[in-house]
Structures are given as structure tokens and as C-alpha cells.
Amino acid sequence: MTPDRRTALRAGAALFAAGTAVTGCAPAPPAHTPRPPAAGTGAAPSPPARPAPGPRRFPGHPAEITQGSGARPEIALTFHGGGDPATARALLTEAERADARLTVLAVGSWLDAHPAIARRVLDGGHDLGNHTQRHLDVNALPEDGVRAEIAGCADRLRRLTGSAGTWFRPSRAQGASPLVARVARSLGYPHVLSYGVDSLDHTSPGAPAVVRTVLDGARPGAVVSLHFGYPDTVAALPALLDELHRRGLRAVTTTELLT
């Protein structure tokens, strides 16, 4: 990592902090999001001829996944997909420069507003999954509400990529209630993707604190929770990836981590 590139990334993060509204899995109510594009408007691209990877079962792993086996020196950096897409693109680009791959759990209403980001994630070799349609407290919803949230995001993913996504992660919760897990299974997601390391980046603690928090929990097989939409995360990623590389840990998709 050259000093010039690190300086440029930090400068970009400052610009995000000055003028970017962000969302994540913080306790605050979700921001207003646009309505889905009306059918027939042409607002969303057609699915590709070859569908994106879909959900799959990983024998030997629990229904709710918080970490991999740790058998290989690999770690999964998983991102809650929301906020200004400029931060998402910056994070994806920096990861690819470092030959790292991410797992993105996208909010359906975010995909409605920024449909091109779905293909951008997949074209970079990253996992793309379901983080509910409106980013509500899904564990607090009745069954019909849970089903609408998970199925709504799955429908957006199918429309944009040809697949319901590789993973499901509940919104505004680290883990899924038994009801949410059951509905997710009925909609084709055999595993709930949780995490064992919380970066706390959505609290905007500053980039050095994000790096320290992740590295404190960085072990082979770790699944880390991070967010798009937060400038501290953009500023933290270069140093984080550098240190993971120094420790011999490779950032891979969750699918790779568990395969």
C-alpha cells in the first residue's frame, strides 16, 4: 500500500463524512427509501443469461453460521448493503486491489434505488445476499411480515441477477429468531448468516478503532460484520487488509470460507 494511495483514500473518506447520509444496522429507524420501480418502466436491468449463484447447503455447518471451521487461514468480511453507493463502490474497488473478496447482504429497497450495484458486486467476484426488503427489525415482525421482508428482497435479487442470492442475514439483529429462520428456510435459504466479530463501524468510532476491533477478533474462520455507507469503513479498509495480509489471513467470500 503506497502512502499516496492511502492518503487519497483518507481524503475520499473525509469527503464522504462531509456530505454522505448513511444507513446500517444501528438502532435508529431506517431512512425513507424510494418505492420499487413500477413494472414495465425499464428501471431495472434484465437478468443475465447465466444466473448468479444461489443459496446452497453446507453439510456439517449449523443452520445459523457465525464462523467457519478455521481449517484454512481465511476470514470472511461481510457487509450490510445500504447507504450511499459511492462508499460501496469505493470499498469493492479497494478490496479487489488487494485481491480480497467480500460478502454483501443487500437491502431490497437499496437495490430498488441503485439497481446497478447488484451486478457490480457480482462482477467483482463477491457474494451477494438478502438483508430483507426494508431493513426493519425482522425478529419483531409477525410471520406474514417476515415472509414479505425476505421474499421481497429475494424477488429484487432474482430480477437483477437471476438468483435469490447466496445468503440471508436478518436485519437489525445479529441472529434470527426461530420463526425468521423457519421462514427463511421455506423461501430457499438453508442457512442464516450471522457473524462472530462485530466491527461496530456503524457507531462511527473512527477508522483506527474499526481496524483494532476487527483485528482483535480476526482468526482463521472468522465472520466479520461491516457496513457500506460509513466513511470510517472506507478509510479503515486499506490498513485492515494490509494487516490481515501480514498475519497470513486471506479475505474470501463466505461461500469460499465454508467450501
C-alpha atoms as a PDB file:
ATOM      1  CA  MET A   1       0.000   0.000   0.000  1.00  0.00           C
ATOM      2  CA  THR A   2       1.710   3.234  -1.106  1.00  0.00           C
ATOM      3  CA  PRO A   3       1.488   6.415   1.026  1.00  0.00           C
ATOM      4  CA  ASP A   4      -0.059   8.279  -1.918  1.00  0.00           C
ATOM      5  CA  ARG A   5      -2.880   5.749  -2.293  1.00  0.00           C
ATOM      6  CA  ARG A   6      -3.581   5.653   1.446  1.00  0.00           C
ATOM      7  CA  THR A   7      -3.653   9.479   1.549  1.00  0.00           C
ATOM      8  CA  ALA A   8      -6.084   9.572  -1.378  1.00  0.00           C
ATOM      9  CA  LEU A   9      -8.387   7.049   0.283  1.00  0.00           C
ATOM     10  CA  ARG A  10      -8.391   9.005   3.527  1.00  0.00           C
ATOM     11  CA  ALA A  11      -9.169  12.191   1.645  1.00  0.00           C
ATOM     12  CA  GLY A  12     -12.068  10.452  -0.071  1.00  0.00           C
ATOM     13  CA  ALA A  13     -13.361   9.238   3.267  1.00  0.00           C
ATOM     14  CA  ALA A  14     -13.351  12.810   4.570  1.00  0.00           C
ATOM     15  CA  LEU A  15     -15.479  13.882   1.620  1.00  0.00           C
ATOM     16  CA  PHE A  16     -17.950  11.081   2.371  1.00  0.00           C
ATOM     17  CA  ALA A  17     -18.116  12.193   6.002  1.00  0.00           C
ATOM     18  CA  ALA A  18     -18.856  15.768   4.965  1.00  0.00           C
ATOM     19  CA  GLY A  19     -21.721  15.051   2.632  1.00  0.00           C
ATOM     20  CA  THR A  20     -22.967  11.462   2.783  1.00  0.00           C
ATOM     21  CA  ALA A  21     -26.122  10.221   4.535  1.00  0.00           C
ATOM     22  CA  VAL A  22     -25.691   6.611   5.628  1.00  0.00           C
ATOM     23  CA  THR A  23     -27.727   3.688   6.885  1.00  0.00           C
ATOM     24  CA  GLY A  24     -26.823   0.457   8.613  1.00  0.00           C
ATOM     25  CA  CYS A  25     -27.840  -1.958  11.369  1.00  0.00           C
ATOM     26  CA  ALA A  26     -27.776   0.739  14.057  1.00  0.00           C
ATOM     27  CA  PRO A  27     -30.821   1.035  16.375  1.00  0.00           C
ATOM     28  CA  ALA A  28     -32.129   4.215  14.694  1.00  0.00           C
ATOM     29  CA  PRO A  29     -35.190   3.850  12.442  1.00  0.00           C
ATOM     30  CA  PRO A  30     -34.388   3.201   8.770  1.00  0.00           C
ATOM     31  CA  ALA A  31     -34.285   6.204   6.477  1.00  0.00           C
ATOM     32  CA  HIS A  32     -37.019   6.732   3.893  1.00  0.00           C
ATOM     33  CA  THR A  33     -36.311   4.738   0.772  1.00  0.00           C
ATOM     34  CA  PRO A  34     -37.841   5.077  -2.692  1.00  0.00           C
ATOM     35  CA  ARG A  35     -40.689   2.855  -3.814  1.00  0.00           C
ATOM     36  CA  PRO A  36     -39.745  -0.099  -6.047  1.00  0.00           C
ATOM     37  CA  PRO A  37     -39.701   0.739  -9.759  1.00  0.00           C
ATOM     38  CA  ALA A  38     -43.065   0.159 -11.396  1.00  0.00           C
ATOM     39  CA  ALA A  39     -43.314  -2.911 -13.593  1.00  0.00           C
ATOM     40  CA  GLY A  40     -42.575  -2.198 -17.201  1.00  0.00           C
ATOM     41  CA  THR A  41     -40.655   1.043 -16.578  1.00  0.00           C
ATOM     42  CA  GLY A  42     -37.338  -0.447 -17.636  1.00  0.00           C
ATOM     43  CA  ALA A  43     -35.688   0.953 -14.481  1.00  0.00           C
ATOM     44  CA  ALA A  44     -34.045  -2.358 -13.587  1.00  0.00           C
ATOM     45  CA  PRO A  45     -31.754  -4.327 -15.893  1.00  0.00           C
ATOM     46  CA  SER A  46     -32.859  -7.716 -17.197  1.00  0.00           C
ATOM     47  CA  PRO A  47     -31.387 -10.822 -15.553  1.00  0.00           C
ATOM     48  CA  PRO A  48     -28.212 -12.083 -17.214  1.00  0.00           C
ATOM     49  CA  ALA A  49     -28.256 -15.158 -19.410  1.00  0.00           C
ATOM     50  CA  ARG A  50     -26.244 -17.066 -16.775  1.00  0.00           C
ATOM     51  CA  PRO A  51     -27.844 -16.634 -13.332  1.00  0.00           C
ATOM     52  CA  ALA A  52     -25.764 -15.629 -10.330  1.00  0.00           C
ATOM     53  CA  PRO A  53     -25.021 -18.266  -7.659  1.00  0.00           C
ATOM     54  CA  GLY A  54     -27.995 -19.062  -5.429  1.00  0.00           C
ATOM     55  CA  PRO A  55     -28.352 -20.385  -1.875  1.00  0.00           C
ATOM     56  CA  ARG A  56     -26.769 -23.729  -1.106  1.00  0.00           C
ATOM     57  CA  ARG A  57     -26.497 -26.094   1.816  1.00  0.00           C
ATOM     58  CA  PHE A  58     -23.190 -26.611   3.597  1.00  0.00           C
ATOM     59  CA  PRO A  59     -23.253 -30.040   5.303  1.00  0.00           C
ATOM     60  CA  GLY A  60     -21.555 -30.066   8.672  1.00  0.00           C
ATOM     61  CA  HIS A  61     -22.316 -26.397   9.325  1.00  0.00           C
ATOM     62  CA  PRO A  62     -25.152 -25.241  11.608  1.00  0.00           C
ATOM     63  CA  ALA A  63     -28.375 -23.637  10.429  1.00  0.00           C
ATOM     64  CA  GLU A  64     -27.090 -20.289  11.749  1.00  0.00           C
ATOM     65  CA  ILE A  65     -23.489 -19.622  10.791  1.00  0.00           C
ATOM     66  CA  THR A  66     -21.257 -17.417  12.928  1.00  0.00           C
ATOM     67  CA  GLN A  67     -17.860 -18.717  11.785  1.00  0.00           C
ATOM     68  CA  GLY A  68     -16.114 -21.186   9.550  1.00  0.00           C
ATOM     69  CA  SER A  69     -14.090 -24.184  10.644  1.00  0.00           C
ATOM     70  CA  GLY A  70     -10.815 -22.291  10.827  1.00  0.00           C
ATOM     71  CA  ALA A  71      -9.053 -25.069   8.960  1.00  0.00           C
ATOM     72  CA  ARG A  72      -7.579 -22.590   6.470  1.00  0.00           C
ATOM     73  CA  PRO A  73      -6.064 -19.109   7.018  1.00  0.00           C
ATOM     74  CA  GLU A  74      -9.169 -17.353   5.681  1.00  0.00           C
ATOM     75  CA  ILE A  75     -11.633 -14.782   7.006  1.00  0.00           C
ATOM     76  CA  ALA A  76     -14.980 -13.518   5.678  1.00  0.00           C
ATOM     77  CA  LEU A  77     -15.641  -9.763   5.656  1.00  0.00           C
ATOM     78  CA  THR A  78     -19.423  -9.430   5.348  1.00  0.00           C
ATOM     79  CA  PHE A  79     -21.082  -6.094   4.561  1.00  0.00           C
ATOM     80  CA  HIS A  80     -24.615  -4.877   5.242  1.00  0.00           C
ATOM     81  CA  GLY A  81     -25.647  -3.323   1.916  1.00  0.00           C
ATOM     82  CA  GLY A  82     -27.163   0.163   2.197  1.00  0.00           C
ATOM     83  CA  GLY A  83     -26.280   3.843   2.178  1.00  0.00           C
ATOM     84  CA  ASP A  84     -24.588   5.933  -0.493  1.00  0.00           C
ATOM     85  CA  PRO A  85     -23.483   3.584  -3.298  1.00  0.00           C
ATOM     86  CA  ALA A  86     -20.293   5.629  -3.681  1.00  0.00           C
ATOM     87  CA  THR A  87     -18.994   4.121  -0.436  1.00  0.00           C
ATOM     88  CA  ALA A  88     -19.941   0.661  -1.672  1.00  0.00           C
ATOM     89  CA  ARG A  89     -18.032   1.145  -4.915  1.00  0.00           C
ATOM     90  CA  ALA A  90     -15.008   2.515  -3.043  1.00  0.00           C
ATOM     91  CA  LEU A  91     -14.931  -0.495  -0.712  1.00  0.00           C
ATOM     92  CA  LEU A  92     -15.384  -3.009  -3.528  1.00  0.00           C
ATOM     93  CA  THR A  93     -12.618  -1.387  -5.569  1.00  0.00           C
ATOM     94  CA  GLU A  94     -10.181  -1.323  -2.657  1.00  0.00           C
ATOM     95  CA  ALA A  95     -10.924  -4.968  -1.820  1.00  0.00           C
ATOM     96  CA  GLU A  96     -10.262  -6.005  -5.414  1.00  0.00           C
ATOM     97  CA  ARG A  97      -6.965  -4.091  -5.479  1.00  0.00           C
ATOM     98  CA  ALA A  98      -5.885  -6.188  -2.503  1.00  0.00           C
ATOM     99  CA  ASP A  99      -7.192  -9.418  -4.097  1.00  0.00           C
ATOM    100  CA  ALA A 100      -9.812  -9.682  -1.347  1.00  0.00           C
ATOM    101  CA  ARG A 101     -13.398 -10.813  -1.836  1.00  0.00           C
ATOM    102  CA  LEU A 102     -16.375  -9.708   0.251  1.00  0.00           C
ATOM    103  CA  THR A 103     -19.888 -10.897   1.095  1.00  0.00           C
ATOM    104  CA  VAL A 104     -22.577  -8.260   0.574  1.00  0.00           C
ATOM    105  CA  LEU A 105     -26.016  -8.641   2.203  1.00  0.00           C
ATOM    106  CA  ALA A 106     -28.142  -6.127   0.321  1.00  0.00           C
ATOM    107  CA  VAL A 107     -31.311  -4.362   1.480  1.00  0.00           C
ATOM    108  CA  GLY A 108     -34.014  -4.711  -1.175  1.00  0.00           C
ATOM    109  CA  SER A 109     -35.076  -1.055  -1.116  1.00  0.00           C
ATOM    110  CA  TRP A 110     -31.416  -0.099  -1.629  1.00  0.00           C
ATOM    111  CA  LEU A 111     -31.334  -2.299  -4.730  1.00  0.00           C
ATOM    112  CA  ASP A 112     -34.523  -0.620  -5.943  1.00  0.00           C
ATOM    113  CA  ALA A 113     -32.808   2.760  -5.683  1.00  0.00           C
ATOM    114  CA  HIS A 114     -29.426   1.598  -7.062  1.00  0.00           C
ATOM    115  CA  PRO A 115     -30.050  -1.475  -9.248  1.00  0.00           C
ATOM    116  CA  ALA A 116     -26.633  -1.412 -10.946  1.00  0.00           C
ATOM    117  CA  ILE A 117     -24.860  -2.167  -7.660  1.00  0.00           C
ATOM    118  CA  ALA A 118     -26.041  -5.788  -7.698  1.00  0.00           C
ATOM    119  CA  ARG A 119     -24.191  -6.579 -10.897  1.00  0.00           C
ATOM    120  CA  ARG A 120     -21.177  -4.537  -9.716  1.00  0.00           C
ATOM    121  CA  VAL A 121     -20.879  -6.777  -6.634  1.00  0.00           C
ATOM    122  CA  LEU A 122     -21.068  -9.997  -8.636  1.00  0.00           C
ATOM    123  CA  ASP A 123     -18.767  -8.786 -11.407  1.00  0.00           C
ATOM    124  CA  GLY A 124     -16.086  -8.233  -8.762  1.00  0.00           C
ATOM    125  CA  GLY A 125     -16.275 -11.877  -7.666  1.00  0.00           C
ATOM    126  CA  HIS A 126     -18.067 -11.162  -4.371  1.00  0.00           C
ATOM    127  CA  ASP A 127     -21.025 -12.938  -2.749  1.00  0.00           C
ATOM    128  CA  LEU A 128     -24.394 -11.154  -2.888  1.00  0.00           C
ATOM    129  CA  GLY A 129     -27.211 -11.993  -0.485  1.00  0.00           C
ATOM    130  CA  ASN A 130     -30.502 -10.965   1.120  1.00  0.00           C
ATOM    131  CA  HIS A 131     -30.750  -8.498   4.028  1.00  0.00           C
ATOM    132  CA  THR A 132     -34.564  -8.085   3.899  1.00  0.00           C
ATOM    133  CA  GLN A 133     -36.576  -5.625   1.845  1.00  0.00           C
ATOM    134  CA  ARG A 134     -36.910  -2.614   4.159  1.00  0.00           C
ATOM    135  CA  HIS A 135     -34.329  -3.255   6.900  1.00  0.00           C
ATOM    136  CA  LEU A 136     -36.886  -3.463   9.706  1.00  0.00           C
ATOM    137  CA  ASP A 137     -36.443  -5.336  12.994  1.00  0.00           C
ATOM    138  CA  VAL A 138     -37.366  -8.590  11.294  1.00  0.00           C
ATOM    139  CA  ASN A 139     -37.333 -10.650  14.502  1.00  0.00           C
ATOM    140  CA  ALA A 140     -40.150  -8.462  15.870  1.00  0.00           C
ATOM    141  CA  LEU A 141     -42.482  -8.980  12.888  1.00  0.00           C
ATOM    142  CA  PRO A 142     -45.375 -11.454  12.624  1.00  0.00           C
ATOM    143  CA  GLU A 143     -44.949 -14.346  10.222  1.00  0.00           C
ATOM    144  CA  ASP A 144     -46.581 -12.643   7.243  1.00  0.00           C
ATOM    145  CA  GLY A 145     -44.343  -9.610   7.743  1.00  0.00           C
ATOM    146  CA  VAL A 146     -41.230 -11.770   7.970  1.00  0.00           C
ATOM    147  CA  ARG A 147     -42.184 -13.562   4.778  1.00  0.00           C
ATOM    148  CA  ALA A 148     -42.833 -10.281   2.953  1.00  0.00           C
ATOM    149  CA  GLU A 149     -39.458  -8.866   4.005  1.00  0.00           C
ATOM    150  CA  ILE A 150     -37.397 -11.900   2.982  1.00  0.00           C
ATOM    151  CA  ALA A 151     -39.361 -12.682  -0.181  1.00  0.00           C
ATOM    152  CA  GLY A 152     -39.397  -9.031  -1.238  1.00  0.00           C
ATOM    153  CA  CYS A 153     -35.606  -8.790  -1.240  1.00  0.00           C
ATOM    154  CA  ALA A 154     -35.296 -12.221  -2.871  1.00  0.00           C
ATOM    155  CA  ASP A 155     -37.560 -11.041  -5.687  1.00  0.00           C
ATOM    156  CA  ARG A 156     -35.374  -7.963  -6.279  1.00  0.00           C
ATOM    157  CA  LEU A 157     -32.251 -10.099  -6.374  1.00  0.00           C
ATOM    158  CA  ARG A 158     -33.827 -12.512  -8.870  1.00  0.00           C
ATOM    159  CA  ARG A 159     -34.919  -9.652 -11.094  1.00  0.00           C
ATOM    160  CA  LEU A 160     -31.456  -8.086 -11.084  1.00  0.00           C
ATOM    161  CA  THR A 161     -29.227 -11.185 -11.140  1.00  0.00           C
ATOM    162  CA  GLY A 162     -31.365 -14.245 -11.858  1.00  0.00           C
ATOM    163  CA  SER A 163     -30.856 -15.616  -8.331  1.00  0.00           C
ATOM    164  CA  ALA A 164     -32.276 -15.040  -4.830  1.00  0.00           C
ATOM    165  CA  GLY A 165     -28.720 -14.515  -3.586  1.00  0.00           C
ATOM    166  CA  THR A 166     -26.229 -16.729  -1.830  1.00  0.00           C
ATOM    167  CA  TRP A 167     -27.110 -15.897   1.794  1.00  0.00           C
ATOM    168  CA  PHE A 168     -29.793 -14.476   4.068  1.00  0.00           C
ATOM    169  CA  ARG A 169     -28.958 -12.264   7.049  1.00  0.00           C
ATOM    170  CA  PRO A 170     -31.697 -10.885   9.347  1.00  0.00           C
ATOM    171  CA  SER A 171     -31.949  -7.104   9.599  1.00  0.00           C
ATOM    172  CA  ARG A 172     -31.367  -5.202  12.855  1.00  0.00           C
ATOM    173  CA  ALA A 173     -30.274  -8.359  14.663  1.00  0.00           C
ATOM    174  CA  GLN A 174     -27.159 -10.482  14.930  1.00  0.00           C
ATOM    175  CA  GLY A 175     -29.129 -13.710  14.793  1.00  0.00           C
ATOM    176  CA  ALA A 176     -32.511 -14.940  13.622  1.00  0.00           C
ATOM    177  CA  SER A 177     -35.456 -15.924  15.798  1.00  0.00           C
ATOM    178  CA  PRO A 178     -36.749 -19.485  15.240  1.00  0.00           C
ATOM    179  CA  LEU A 179     -39.654 -18.020  13.236  1.00  0.00           C
ATOM    180  CA  VAL A 180     -37.365 -15.997  10.968  1.00  0.00           C
ATOM    181  CA  ALA A 181     -35.043 -18.965  10.432  1.00  0.00           C
ATOM    182  CA  ARG A 182     -38.004 -21.203   9.567  1.00  0.00           C
ATOM    183  CA  VAL A 183     -39.459 -18.735   7.068  1.00  0.00           C
ATOM    184  CA  ALA A 184     -36.029 -18.204   5.502  1.00  0.00           C
ATOM    185  CA  ARG A 185     -35.669 -21.975   5.011  1.00  0.00           C
ATOM    186  CA  SER A 186     -39.107 -22.158   3.430  1.00  0.00           C
ATOM    187  CA  LEU A 187     -38.025 -19.459   0.961  1.00  0.00           C
ATOM    188  CA  GLY A 188     -34.901 -21.369  -0.047  1.00  0.00           C
ATOM    189  CA  TYR A 189     -32.195 -20.180   2.373  1.00  0.00           C
ATOM    190  CA  PRO A 190     -30.918 -23.265   4.256  1.00  0.00           C
ATOM    191  CA  HIS A 191     -28.564 -21.214   6.461  1.00  0.00           C
ATOM    192  CA  VAL A 192     -28.838 -17.879   8.263  1.00  0.00           C
ATOM    193  CA  LEU A 193     -25.581 -15.931   8.014  1.00  0.00           C
ATOM    194  CA  SER A 194     -24.768 -14.333  11.359  1.00  0.00           C
ATOM    195  CA  TYR A 195     -21.273 -13.270  12.466  1.00  0.00           C
ATOM    196  CA  GLY A 196     -18.853 -13.664  15.335  1.00  0.00           C
ATOM    197  CA  VAL A 197     -16.970 -10.350  15.060  1.00  0.00           C
ATOM    198  CA  ASP A 198     -18.812  -7.010  15.094  1.00  0.00           C
ATOM    199  CA  SER A 199     -16.692  -4.136  13.783  1.00  0.00           C
ATOM    200  CA  LEU A 200     -19.078  -1.555  15.332  1.00  0.00           C
ATOM    201  CA  ASP A 201     -18.360   0.626  12.314  1.00  0.00           C
ATOM    202  CA  HIS A 202     -21.994   1.807  12.289  1.00  0.00           C
ATOM    203  CA  THR A 203     -21.246   3.723  15.515  1.00  0.00           C
ATOM    204  CA  SER A 204     -18.717   5.868  13.579  1.00  0.00           C
ATOM    205  CA  PRO A 205     -15.861   5.287  16.062  1.00  0.00           C
ATOM    206  CA  GLY A 206     -13.133   6.383  13.630  1.00  0.00           C
ATOM    207  CA  ALA A 207     -11.137   4.289  11.185  1.00  0.00           C
ATOM    208  CA  PRO A 208      -8.372   3.240  13.640  1.00  0.00           C
ATOM    209  CA  ALA A 209     -10.996   1.896  16.064  1.00  0.00           C
ATOM    210  CA  VAL A 210     -12.672  -0.108  13.271  1.00  0.00           C
ATOM    211  CA  VAL A 211      -9.314  -1.652  12.366  1.00  0.00           C
ATOM    212  CA  ARG A 212      -8.497  -2.504  16.003  1.00  0.00           C
ATOM    213  CA  THR A 213     -11.901  -4.038  16.683  1.00  0.00           C
ATOM    214  CA  VAL A 214     -11.776  -6.295  13.638  1.00  0.00           C
ATOM    215  CA  LEU A 215      -8.182  -7.352  14.221  1.00  0.00           C
ATOM    216  CA  ASP A 216      -8.910  -8.191  17.861  1.00  0.00           C
ATOM    217  CA  GLY A 217     -11.308 -10.883  16.614  1.00  0.00           C
ATOM    218  CA  ALA A 218      -9.505 -11.857  13.423  1.00  0.00           C
ATOM    219  CA  ARG A 219      -8.867 -15.603  13.484  1.00  0.00           C
ATOM    220  CA  PRO A 220      -8.998 -18.266  10.772  1.00  0.00           C
ATOM    221  CA  GLY A 221     -12.666 -18.895  10.030  1.00  0.00           C
ATOM    222  CA  ALA A 222     -13.924 -15.606  11.488  1.00  0.00           C
ATOM    223  CA  VAL A 223     -17.040 -13.967  10.004  1.00  0.00           C
ATOM    224  CA  VAL A 224     -16.910 -10.181  10.449  1.00  0.00           C
ATOM    225  CA  SER A 225     -19.814  -7.713  10.291  1.00  0.00           C
ATOM    226  CA  LEU A 226     -19.134  -4.414   8.479  1.00  0.00           C
ATOM    227  CA  HIS A 227     -21.290  -1.868   6.650  1.00  0.00           C
ATOM    228  CA  PHE A 228     -21.446   0.004   3.402  1.00  0.00           C
ATOM    229  CA  GLY A 229     -22.374   3.662   3.793  1.00  0.00           C
ATOM    230  CA  TYR A 230     -19.928   4.615   6.546  1.00  0.00           C
ATOM    231  CA  PRO A 231     -16.815   6.697   5.767  1.00  0.00           C
ATOM    232  CA  ASP A 232     -14.886   5.205   8.698  1.00  0.00           C
ATOM    233  CA  THR A 233     -15.148   1.809   6.987  1.00  0.00           C
ATOM    234  CA  VAL A 234     -13.836   3.179   3.702  1.00  0.00           C
ATOM    235  CA  ALA A 235     -10.880   4.756   5.492  1.00  0.00           C
ATOM    236  CA  ALA A 236     -10.227   1.606   7.566  1.00  0.00           C
ATOM    237  CA  LEU A 237     -10.223  -1.000   4.809  1.00  0.00           C
ATOM    238  CA  PRO A 238      -6.720  -0.443   3.318  1.00  0.00           C
ATOM    239  CA  ALA A 239      -4.983  -0.740   6.702  1.00  0.00           C
ATOM    240  CA  LEU A 240      -7.209  -3.649   7.696  1.00  0.00           C
ATOM    241  CA  LEU A 241      -6.430  -5.624   4.555  1.00  0.00           C
ATOM    242  CA  ASP A 242      -2.714  -4.836   4.885  1.00  0.00           C
ATOM    243  CA  GLU A 243      -2.624  -6.209   8.438  1.00  0.00           C
ATOM    244  CA  LEU A 244      -4.668  -9.286   7.572  1.00  0.00           C
ATOM    245  CA  HIS A 245      -2.179  -9.990   4.775  1.00  0.00           C
ATOM    246  CA  ARG A 246       0.738  -9.505   7.186  1.00  0.00           C
ATOM    247  CA  ARG A 247      -0.869 -12.062   9.521  1.00  0.00           C
ATOM    248  CA  GLY A 248      -1.311 -14.517   6.671  1.00  0.00           C
ATOM    249  CA  LEU A 249      -5.125 -14.233   6.625  1.00  0.00           C
ATOM    250  CA  ARG A 250      -6.890 -14.055   3.265  1.00  0.00           C
ATOM    251  CA  ALA A 251     -10.248 -12.265   2.931  1.00  0.00           C
ATOM    252  CA  VAL A 252     -12.602 -14.546   0.968  1.00  0.00           C
ATOM    253  CA  THR A 253     -16.347 -14.790   0.328  1.00  0.00           C
ATOM    254  CA  THR A 254     -18.400 -16.684   2.878  1.00  0.00           C
ATOM    255  CA  THR A 255     -19.066 -19.340   0.235  1.00  0.00           C
ATOM    256  CA  GLU A 256     -15.302 -19.856  -0.152  1.00  0.00           C
ATOM    257  CA  LEU A 257     -14.794 -19.845   3.618  1.00  0.00           C
ATOM    258  CA  LEU A 258     -17.245 -22.724   4.085  1.00  0.00           C
ATOM    259  CA  THR A 259     -16.438 -24.761   0.971  1.00  0.00           C
END
